[in-house]
Amino acid sequence: MHVRLDSSVTERLPQLSLGVLQYHGASVSDSPKMLQGRINFFIENLRLEHEVSRLTEIEGVREWRAALKQLGTDPSRYRPSSEALLRRLLQGNPFFWVNSAVDVNNFFSVLYALPLGIYDLDQIHGDVVCRVGQADDHYEGLNGREVSMENKPLLADEQGAFGSPIVDSKRTCVTDQSRNMLQVIFFHEQLSASKKDEILGSVGRMFTEINGGEIAQASLV
């Protein structure tokens, strides 16, 4: 499976890139106590270091809000998923535990203030393109709502849109039955190539440490 950036995105955000990881033979379950403890410790420190009123000063939040504006989306109405997670945690809400794959994904999203998506690879058909949504792009989001993806950056396969740095679809969500997965890191323009490589490596290592399996692909697009 190939992942590429469409010109509808690159013409407006020429330095935007994706970190792409494919995992085969993983085993998804409840997150182990070790991971829960690490995430809870990180959240405690996060709340000591940041205030929700100054959230937009965090580089990843600031840069992704600017990127969405460049693509024609109001980031105050449709927040990047990383900002939404950070906002929720800084408001005092608990970390929302889902499963060992999603929890690792969400941990790195708040750690680096970057949108990350994790998808069931067996529910994706054909190659994947990151493009700007059109009027007929929509799906049922993980929040249970029908989401219009017009003027929003999205991931699409042969069956249509399924993912976004804003909210992902139910069609490709990862469950305890998932074994093969695609993970996409949405990098903003200000990150250096070395930092992207570092993040890609850290995400892949922790994901396989927690969920097993093997990394079949780890690349920048």
Protein backbone atom coordinates (compact mmCIF):
# COMPACT_ATOMS: atom_id res chain seq x y z
CA MET A 1 0.00 0.00 0.00
CA HIS A 2 1.30 3.44 -1.00
CA VAL A 3 0.60 6.77 0.76
CA ARG A 4 1.04 10.04 -1.13
CA LEU A 5 0.33 13.76 -0.79
CA ASP A 6 -1.99 15.32 -3.36
CA SER A 7 -1.25 18.66 -5.03
CA SER A 8 -4.39 20.14 -3.41
CA VAL A 9 -2.42 19.99 -0.14
CA THR A 10 1.16 20.54 -1.29
CA GLU A 11 0.35 23.66 -3.34
CA ARG A 12 -0.85 25.43 -0.18
CA LEU A 13 1.41 23.69 2.36
CA PRO A 14 4.56 22.80 0.40
CA GLN A 15 6.55 21.72 3.48
CA LEU A 16 3.83 19.53 5.01
CA SER A 17 4.81 15.88 5.40
CA LEU A 18 3.48 12.63 6.83
CA GLY A 19 5.13 9.99 8.95
CA VAL A 20 3.82 6.61 7.81
CA LEU A 21 4.09 3.41 9.86
CA GLN A 22 2.62 0.02 8.98
CA TYR A 23 2.39 -2.70 11.60
CA HIS A 24 1.74 -6.37 10.93
CA GLY A 25 0.78 -9.05 13.45
CA ALA A 26 0.11 -6.76 16.41
CA SER A 27 -2.10 -7.73 19.35
CA VAL A 28 -4.45 -5.05 20.69
CA SER A 29 -5.82 -5.24 24.24
CA ASP A 30 -6.37 -3.04 27.29
CA SER A 31 -3.34 -0.87 27.96
CA PRO A 32 -0.92 -2.38 30.50
CA LYS A 33 -0.45 -0.71 33.88
CA MET A 34 3.04 0.39 32.87
CA LEU A 35 1.67 2.44 29.97
CA GLN A 36 -1.18 3.83 32.04
CA GLY A 37 1.27 4.93 34.72
CA ARG A 38 3.57 6.62 32.21
CA ILE A 39 0.70 8.48 30.56
CA ASN A 40 -0.81 9.60 33.88
CA PHE A 41 2.61 10.85 35.06
CA PHE A 42 3.03 12.80 31.82
CA ILE A 43 -0.43 14.36 32.20
CA GLU A 44 0.34 15.50 35.77
CA ASN A 45 3.47 17.29 34.54
CA LEU A 46 1.61 18.68 31.53
CA ARG A 47 -0.91 20.38 33.82
CA LEU A 48 1.89 21.89 35.88
CA GLU A 49 3.65 23.33 32.83
CA HIS A 50 0.73 24.58 30.72
CA GLU A 51 -2.54 26.43 31.12
CA VAL A 52 -5.50 25.91 28.82
CA SER A 53 -5.67 29.68 28.25
CA ARG A 54 -2.17 29.57 26.70
CA LEU A 55 -2.66 26.38 24.72
CA THR A 56 -2.20 28.07 21.34
CA GLU A 57 1.36 29.07 22.34
CA ILE A 58 2.47 25.42 22.08
CA GLU A 59 4.33 25.11 18.76
CA GLY A 60 2.43 22.09 17.41
CA VAL A 61 -0.95 23.62 18.25
CA ARG A 62 0.00 27.00 16.79
CA GLU A 63 1.42 25.55 13.58
CA TRP A 64 -1.49 23.18 12.92
CA ARG A 65 -4.04 25.92 13.50
CA ALA A 66 -2.17 27.99 10.90
CA ALA A 67 -2.10 25.02 8.50
CA LEU A 68 -5.85 24.49 8.74
CA LYS A 69 -6.42 28.18 8.01
CA GLN A 70 -4.22 27.86 4.92
CA LEU A 71 -6.40 24.98 3.72
CA GLY A 72 -9.65 26.88 4.26
CA THR A 73 -10.81 25.46 7.61
CA ASP A 74 -11.59 27.46 10.76
CA PRO A 75 -9.41 25.85 13.51
CA SER A 76 -11.59 27.30 16.26
CA ARG A 77 -14.58 25.38 14.90
CA TYR A 78 -12.72 22.26 13.72
CA ARG A 79 -9.75 21.81 16.03
CA PRO A 80 -6.80 19.54 15.21
CA SER A 81 -7.23 16.30 17.17
CA SER A 82 -4.03 16.95 19.14
CA GLU A 83 -5.31 20.35 20.30
CA ALA A 84 -8.67 18.84 21.25
CA LEU A 85 -6.91 16.16 23.34
CA LEU A 86 -4.63 18.69 25.03
CA ARG A 87 -7.51 21.08 25.73
CA ARG A 88 -9.53 18.28 27.31
CA LEU A 89 -6.64 17.22 29.57
CA LEU A 90 -5.72 20.77 30.61
CA GLN A 91 -9.34 21.35 31.58
CA GLY A 92 -8.91 18.58 34.14
CA ASN A 93 -10.64 15.76 32.29
CA PRO A 94 -9.12 12.26 32.54
CA PHE A 95 -7.29 10.53 29.70
CA PHE A 96 -9.86 8.58 27.69
CA TRP A 97 -8.63 4.97 27.61
CA VAL A 98 -9.63 3.00 24.49
CA ASN A 99 -7.15 0.18 23.82
CA SER A 100 -3.40 -0.35 23.72
CA ALA A 101 -3.04 0.85 20.11
CA VAL A 102 -5.23 3.95 20.36
CA ASP A 103 -3.81 4.88 23.77
CA VAL A 104 -0.21 4.85 22.47
CA ASN A 105 -1.36 6.90 19.49
CA ASN A 106 -3.08 9.49 21.69
CA PHE A 107 -0.14 9.64 24.10
CA PHE A 108 2.24 10.66 21.32
CA SER A 109 -0.34 13.11 19.99
CA VAL A 110 -0.33 15.07 23.26
CA LEU A 111 3.42 14.52 23.85
CA TYR A 112 4.38 16.16 20.54
CA ALA A 113 1.21 18.26 20.02
CA LEU A 114 0.74 16.62 16.63
CA PRO A 115 -2.32 14.96 15.11
CA LEU A 116 -1.79 11.19 14.80
CA GLY A 117 -4.15 8.64 13.29
CA ILE A 118 -4.23 4.88 13.78
CA TYR A 119 -6.24 2.78 11.31
CA ASP A 120 -7.15 -0.86 10.76
CA LEU A 121 -5.14 -1.67 7.66
CA ASP A 122 -7.50 -4.52 6.68
CA GLN A 123 -10.33 -1.99 6.35
CA ILE A 124 -8.35 0.20 3.94
CA HIS A 125 -8.71 -0.59 0.23
CA GLY A 126 -6.00 0.34 -2.25
CA ASP A 127 -3.56 3.21 -1.96
CA VAL A 128 -4.04 6.19 0.33
CA VAL A 129 -3.95 9.85 -0.65
CA CYS A 130 -3.81 12.90 1.60
CA ARG A 131 -5.84 15.65 -0.07
CA VAL A 132 -8.23 18.51 0.64
CA GLY A 133 -11.83 17.39 1.01
CA GLN A 134 -14.53 18.14 -1.55
CA ALA A 135 -18.25 18.79 -1.06
CA ASP A 136 -19.11 15.07 -1.31
CA ASP A 137 -16.51 13.93 1.23
CA HIS A 138 -18.10 12.91 4.53
CA TYR A 139 -18.11 10.03 7.00
CA GLU A 140 -19.30 8.93 10.42
CA GLY A 141 -16.66 10.12 12.82
CA LEU A 142 -15.39 8.43 15.96
CA ASN A 143 -17.44 11.00 17.85
CA GLY A 144 -20.60 9.41 16.38
CA ARG A 145 -21.41 12.42 14.20
CA GLU A 146 -21.60 12.68 10.45
CA VAL A 147 -18.65 14.88 9.53
CA SER A 148 -18.40 17.01 6.41
CA MET A 149 -14.80 16.98 5.20
CA GLU A 150 -15.11 19.81 2.69
CA ASN A 151 -12.03 22.09 2.78
CA LYS A 152 -10.40 19.88 5.41
CA PRO A 153 -7.23 17.81 5.00
CA LEU A 154 -8.10 14.12 4.83
CA LEU A 155 -6.89 10.62 4.05
CA ALA A 156 -8.81 8.65 1.44
CA ASP A 157 -8.64 5.18 -0.12
CA GLU A 158 -10.59 3.67 -3.02
CA GLN A 159 -13.79 3.77 -0.95
CA GLY A 160 -13.43 7.43 0.01
CA ALA A 161 -12.35 9.53 2.97
CA PHE A 162 -11.57 7.74 6.25
CA GLY A 163 -9.15 9.87 8.26
CA SER A 164 -8.08 13.40 9.05
CA PRO A 165 -5.92 15.40 11.48
CA ILE A 166 -9.26 16.61 12.88
CA VAL A 167 -11.34 13.45 13.45
CA ASP A 168 -11.16 9.91 12.07
CA SER A 169 -13.92 7.64 10.78
CA LYS A 170 -15.54 4.62 12.38
CA ARG A 171 -14.96 2.61 9.18
CA THR A 172 -11.24 2.15 9.79
CA CYS A 173 -11.12 2.39 13.59
CA VAL A 174 -8.80 0.04 15.49
CA THR A 175 -10.43 -2.55 17.77
CA ASP A 176 -9.23 -5.50 19.83
CA GLN A 177 -9.62 -7.59 16.66
CA SER A 178 -7.20 -5.48 14.61
CA ARG A 179 -3.88 -7.11 13.74
CA ASN A 180 -2.50 -4.98 10.89
CA MET A 181 -2.48 -1.24 11.26
CA LEU A 182 -1.55 1.98 9.50
CA GLN A 183 -0.39 4.91 11.62
CA VAL A 184 -0.03 8.41 10.18
CA ILE A 185 1.74 11.30 11.89
CA PHE A 186 0.74 14.70 10.51
CA PHE A 187 3.91 16.81 10.69
CA HIS A 188 3.69 20.59 10.48
CA GLU A 189 6.06 22.68 8.39
CA GLN A 190 8.37 23.90 11.19
CA LEU A 191 9.70 20.49 12.21
CA SER A 192 13.20 19.62 11.01
CA ALA A 193 13.91 16.40 9.11
CA SER A 194 15.93 15.06 12.05
CA LYS A 195 13.08 15.74 14.49
CA LYS A 196 10.62 13.97 12.21
CA ASP A 197 12.92 10.94 12.05
CA GLU A 198 13.25 10.98 15.84
CA ILE A 199 9.48 11.08 16.35
CA LEU A 200 8.89 8.37 13.76
CA GLY A 201 11.38 6.10 15.53
CA SER A 202 10.00 6.77 19.01
CA VAL A 203 6.41 6.10 17.97
CA GLY A 204 7.28 2.86 16.18
CA ARG A 205 9.36 1.53 19.07
CA MET A 206 6.77 2.15 21.76
CA PHE A 207 3.91 0.87 19.60
CA THR A 208 5.59 -2.49 19.03
CA GLU A 209 6.84 -2.70 22.63
CA ILE A 210 3.24 -2.41 23.83
CA ASN A 211 1.37 -4.19 21.02
CA GLY A 212 3.92 -6.59 19.57
CA GLY A 213 4.02 -7.29 15.85
CA GLU A 214 6.57 -5.87 13.45
CA ILE A 215 7.08 -2.59 11.64
CA ALA A 216 6.56 -3.35 7.95
CA GLN A 217 7.10 0.27 6.88
CA ALA A 218 8.42 3.44 8.50
CA SER A 219 8.85 6.35 6.13
CA LEU A 220 8.35 10.05 5.55
CA VAL A 221 6.05 11.17 2.75
